[in-house]
């Protein structure tokens, strides 16, 4: 779990406008590890609701005969919220950033560099 926390801390340092990030268990929406820079954000509640939205999105994709969810993206006036499967969808990376300081393009570009690192960290966590 230390490696997952370290990766989230690295994202905190690298992603402009980072407000919070978590690894969330997919079935129950429970936060496994988190880090945040904004104390007024309830990351666990946000992540749990994102897991609910992910389940509904999966149903929509199944209706379209689509194989899997790549990334669930929510954009509000102030925030970008991304929920991305990790470890074959058993867990998810949940990320919240400020729209004042980041764009969807830069966030997804940075996340793409971290995808394999999170996968490896999850394998290591399961092995321990």
C-alpha atoms as a PDB file:
ATOM      1  CA  UNK A   1       0.000   0.000   0.000  1.00  0.00           C
ATOM      2  CA  UNK A   2       2.986   2.301   0.521  1.00  0.00           C
ATOM      3  CA  UNK A   3       3.734   2.271  -3.217  1.00  0.00           C
ATOM      4  CA  UNK A   4       0.124   3.270  -4.014  1.00  0.00           C
ATOM      5  CA  UNK A   5       0.337   6.140  -1.532  1.00  0.00           C
ATOM      6  CA  UNK A   6       3.668   7.195  -3.047  1.00  0.00           C
ATOM      7  CA  UNK A   7       2.164   7.236  -6.555  1.00  0.00           C
ATOM      8  CA  UNK A   8      -0.764   9.354  -5.366  1.00  0.00           C
ATOM      9  CA  UNK A   9       1.677  11.752  -3.700  1.00  0.00           C
ATOM     10  CA  UNK A  10       3.624  11.962  -6.982  1.00  0.00           C
ATOM     11  CA  UNK A  11       0.395  12.808  -8.821  1.00  0.00           C
ATOM     12  CA  UNK A  12      -0.305  15.451  -6.186  1.00  0.00           C
ATOM     13  CA  UNK A  13       3.029  17.053  -7.013  1.00  0.00           C
ATOM     14  CA  UNK A  14       2.790  16.685 -10.782  1.00  0.00           C
ATOM     15  CA  UNK A  15      -0.849  17.329 -11.715  1.00  0.00           C
ATOM     16  CA  UNK A  16      -1.684  21.045 -11.818  1.00  0.00           C
ATOM     17  CA  UNK A  17      -4.622  21.859  -9.578  1.00  0.00           C
ATOM     18  CA  UNK A  18      -4.588  18.457  -7.847  1.00  0.00           C
ATOM     19  CA  UNK A  19      -7.232  18.437  -5.108  1.00  0.00           C
ATOM     20  CA  UNK A  20      -7.433  14.752  -4.237  1.00  0.00           C
ATOM     21  CA  UNK A  21      -6.727  11.226  -5.398  1.00  0.00           C
ATOM     22  CA  UNK A  22      -7.712   7.805  -4.136  1.00  0.00           C
ATOM     23  CA  UNK A  23      -7.621   4.118  -4.931  1.00  0.00           C
ATOM     24  CA  UNK A  24     -11.139   2.776  -4.478  1.00  0.00           C
ATOM     25  CA  UNK A  25     -12.398  -0.800  -4.249  1.00  0.00           C
ATOM     26  CA  UNK A  26     -14.794  -1.388  -7.136  1.00  0.00           C
ATOM     27  CA  UNK A  27     -17.664  -3.353  -5.601  1.00  0.00           C
ATOM     28  CA  UNK A  28     -18.341  -1.420  -2.407  1.00  0.00           C
ATOM     29  CA  UNK A  29     -16.743   1.922  -3.235  1.00  0.00           C
ATOM     30  CA  UNK A  30     -14.470   1.835  -0.199  1.00  0.00           C
ATOM     31  CA  UNK A  31     -11.363   4.010  -0.299  1.00  0.00           C
ATOM     32  CA  UNK A  32      -8.199   1.967   0.180  1.00  0.00           C
ATOM     33  CA  UNK A  33      -5.659   4.802   0.117  1.00  0.00           C
ATOM     34  CA  UNK A  34      -5.965   8.529  -0.501  1.00  0.00           C
ATOM     35  CA  UNK A  35      -4.140  11.811  -0.534  1.00  0.00           C
ATOM     36  CA  UNK A  36      -5.484  15.313  -0.943  1.00  0.00           C
ATOM     37  CA  UNK A  37      -4.399  18.909  -0.962  1.00  0.00           C
ATOM     38  CA  UNK A  38      -7.844  20.406  -0.315  1.00  0.00           C
ATOM     39  CA  UNK A  39      -9.150  19.714   3.175  1.00  0.00           C
ATOM     40  CA  UNK A  40     -12.696  20.783   2.280  1.00  0.00           C
ATOM     41  CA  UNK A  41     -13.157  17.871  -0.157  1.00  0.00           C
ATOM     42  CA  UNK A  42     -14.610  14.643   1.228  1.00  0.00           C
ATOM     43  CA  UNK A  43     -12.677  12.333  -1.041  1.00  0.00           C
ATOM     44  CA  UNK A  44     -14.192   9.128   0.333  1.00  0.00           C
ATOM     45  CA  UNK A  45     -17.755  10.285  -0.349  1.00  0.00           C
ATOM     46  CA  UNK A  46     -16.817  11.595  -3.791  1.00  0.00           C
ATOM     47  CA  UNK A  47     -15.105   8.300  -4.650  1.00  0.00           C
ATOM     48  CA  UNK A  48     -18.052   6.230  -3.417  1.00  0.00           C
ATOM     49  CA  UNK A  49     -20.492   8.234  -5.552  1.00  0.00           C
ATOM     50  CA  UNK A  50     -18.169   7.912  -8.537  1.00  0.00           C
ATOM     51  CA  UNK A  51     -18.297   4.133  -8.121  1.00  0.00           C
ATOM     52  CA  UNK A  52     -22.100   4.343  -8.325  1.00  0.00           C
ATOM     53  CA  UNK A  53     -21.806   6.396 -11.514  1.00  0.00           C
ATOM     54  CA  UNK A  54     -19.294   3.887 -12.874  1.00  0.00           C
ATOM     55  CA  UNK A  55     -21.770   1.048 -12.385  1.00  0.00           C
ATOM     56  CA  UNK A  56     -24.437   2.944 -14.341  1.00  0.00           C
ATOM     57  CA  UNK A  57     -21.952   3.814 -17.073  1.00  0.00           C
ATOM     58  CA  UNK A  58     -20.984   0.133 -17.359  1.00  0.00           C
ATOM     59  CA  UNK A  59     -24.662  -0.735 -17.900  1.00  0.00           C
ATOM     60  CA  UNK A  60     -24.855   1.837 -20.688  1.00  0.00           C
ATOM     61  CA  UNK A  61     -21.709   0.425 -22.313  1.00  0.00           C
ATOM     62  CA  UNK A  62     -23.088  -3.119 -22.063  1.00  0.00           C
ATOM     63  CA  UNK A  63     -26.222  -1.944 -23.875  1.00  0.00           C
ATOM     64  CA  UNK A  64     -23.926  -0.715 -26.648  1.00  0.00           C
ATOM     65  CA  UNK A  65     -21.991  -3.995 -26.668  1.00  0.00           C
ATOM     66  CA  UNK A  66     -18.877  -2.122 -25.622  1.00  0.00           C
ATOM     67  CA  UNK A  67     -16.233  -4.163 -23.835  1.00  0.00           C
ATOM     68  CA  UNK A  68     -15.138  -2.031 -20.914  1.00  0.00           C
ATOM     69  CA  UNK A  69     -14.917   1.376 -19.332  1.00  0.00           C
ATOM     70  CA  UNK A  70     -11.702   3.261 -20.039  1.00  0.00           C
ATOM     71  CA  UNK A  71     -12.250   6.394 -17.933  1.00  0.00           C
ATOM     72  CA  UNK A  72     -15.328   8.008 -16.447  1.00  0.00           C
ATOM     73  CA  UNK A  73     -14.993  11.793 -16.662  1.00  0.00           C
ATOM     74  CA  UNK A  74     -17.098  14.369 -14.867  1.00  0.00           C
ATOM     75  CA  UNK A  75     -16.581  18.049 -15.567  1.00  0.00           C
ATOM     76  CA  UNK A  76     -18.194  20.819 -13.553  1.00  0.00           C
ATOM     77  CA  UNK A  77     -17.624  24.550 -13.570  1.00  0.00           C
ATOM     78  CA  UNK A  78     -14.846  24.167 -10.983  1.00  0.00           C
ATOM     79  CA  UNK A  79     -13.649  20.541 -11.110  1.00  0.00           C
ATOM     80  CA  UNK A  80     -12.546  17.702 -13.335  1.00  0.00           C
ATOM     81  CA  UNK A  81     -13.259  14.292 -11.824  1.00  0.00           C
ATOM     82  CA  UNK A  82     -11.737  11.188 -13.393  1.00  0.00           C
ATOM     83  CA  UNK A  83     -12.390   7.605 -12.369  1.00  0.00           C
ATOM     84  CA  UNK A  84     -10.201   5.059 -14.123  1.00  0.00           C
ATOM     85  CA  UNK A  85     -10.099   1.239 -13.700  1.00  0.00           C
ATOM     86  CA  UNK A  86      -6.967  -0.274 -12.184  1.00  0.00           C
ATOM     87  CA  UNK A  87      -6.263  -3.962 -11.686  1.00  0.00           C
ATOM     88  CA  UNK A  88      -8.857  -5.201 -14.205  1.00  0.00           C
ATOM     89  CA  UNK A  89     -11.605  -3.056 -12.726  1.00  0.00           C
ATOM     90  CA  UNK A  90     -11.348  -4.502  -9.235  1.00  0.00           C
ATOM     91  CA  UNK A  91     -10.082  -1.107  -8.099  1.00  0.00           C
ATOM     92  CA  UNK A  92     -10.299   2.411  -9.508  1.00  0.00           C
ATOM     93  CA  UNK A  93      -8.173   5.519  -9.452  1.00  0.00           C
ATOM     94  CA  UNK A  94     -10.350   8.477  -8.481  1.00  0.00           C
ATOM     95  CA  UNK A  95      -8.866  11.915  -9.146  1.00  0.00           C
ATOM     96  CA  UNK A  96     -10.213  15.431  -8.571  1.00  0.00           C
ATOM     97  CA  UNK A  97      -8.497  18.508  -9.997  1.00  0.00           C
ATOM     98  CA  UNK A  98      -9.297  22.203 -10.214  1.00  0.00           C
ATOM     99  CA  UNK A  99     -10.387  23.429 -13.645  1.00  0.00           C
ATOM    100  CA  UNK A 100      -8.767  26.784 -12.892  1.00  0.00           C
ATOM    101  CA  UNK A 101      -5.334  25.179 -12.956  1.00  0.00           C
ATOM    102  CA  UNK A 102      -5.648  22.136 -15.221  1.00  0.00           C
ATOM    103  CA  UNK A 103      -7.156  20.998 -18.471  1.00  0.00           C
ATOM    104  CA  UNK A 104      -8.532  17.573 -19.275  1.00  0.00           C
ATOM    105  CA  UNK A 105      -5.780  17.122 -21.843  1.00  0.00           C
ATOM    106  CA  UNK A 106      -2.898  17.658 -19.435  1.00  0.00           C
ATOM    107  CA  UNK A 107      -4.491  15.508 -16.715  1.00  0.00           C
ATOM    108  CA  UNK A 108      -5.103  12.571 -19.050  1.00  0.00           C
ATOM    109  CA  UNK A 109      -1.591  12.907 -20.499  1.00  0.00           C
ATOM    110  CA  UNK A 110      -0.051  12.725 -17.031  1.00  0.00           C
ATOM    111  CA  UNK A 111      -2.319   9.840 -16.009  1.00  0.00           C
ATOM    112  CA  UNK A 112      -1.327   7.852 -19.088  1.00  0.00           C
ATOM    113  CA  UNK A 113       2.275   7.905 -17.855  1.00  0.00           C
ATOM    114  CA  UNK A 114       1.151   6.538 -14.484  1.00  0.00           C
ATOM    115  CA  UNK A 115      -1.167   3.747 -15.713  1.00  0.00           C
ATOM    116  CA  UNK A 116       1.438   0.970 -15.756  1.00  0.00           C
ATOM    117  CA  UNK A 117       2.911   2.174 -12.449  1.00  0.00           C
ATOM    118  CA  UNK A 118      -0.451   1.838 -10.725  1.00  0.00           C
ATOM    119  CA  UNK A 119      -0.944  -1.618 -12.270  1.00  0.00           C
ATOM    120  CA  UNK A 120       2.449  -2.757 -10.965  1.00  0.00           C
ATOM    121  CA  UNK A 121       1.797  -1.286  -7.520  1.00  0.00           C
ATOM    122  CA  UNK A 122      -1.537  -3.134  -7.351  1.00  0.00           C
ATOM    123  CA  UNK A 123       0.156  -6.426  -8.232  1.00  0.00           C
ATOM    124  CA  UNK A 124       2.736  -5.804  -5.521  1.00  0.00           C
ATOM    125  CA  UNK A 125       0.025  -4.974  -3.003  1.00  0.00           C
ATOM    126  CA  UNK A 126      -1.856  -8.206  -3.738  1.00  0.00           C
ATOM    127  CA  UNK A 127       1.372 -10.202  -3.449  1.00  0.00           C
ATOM    128  CA  UNK A 128       2.128  -8.861   0.034  1.00  0.00           C
END
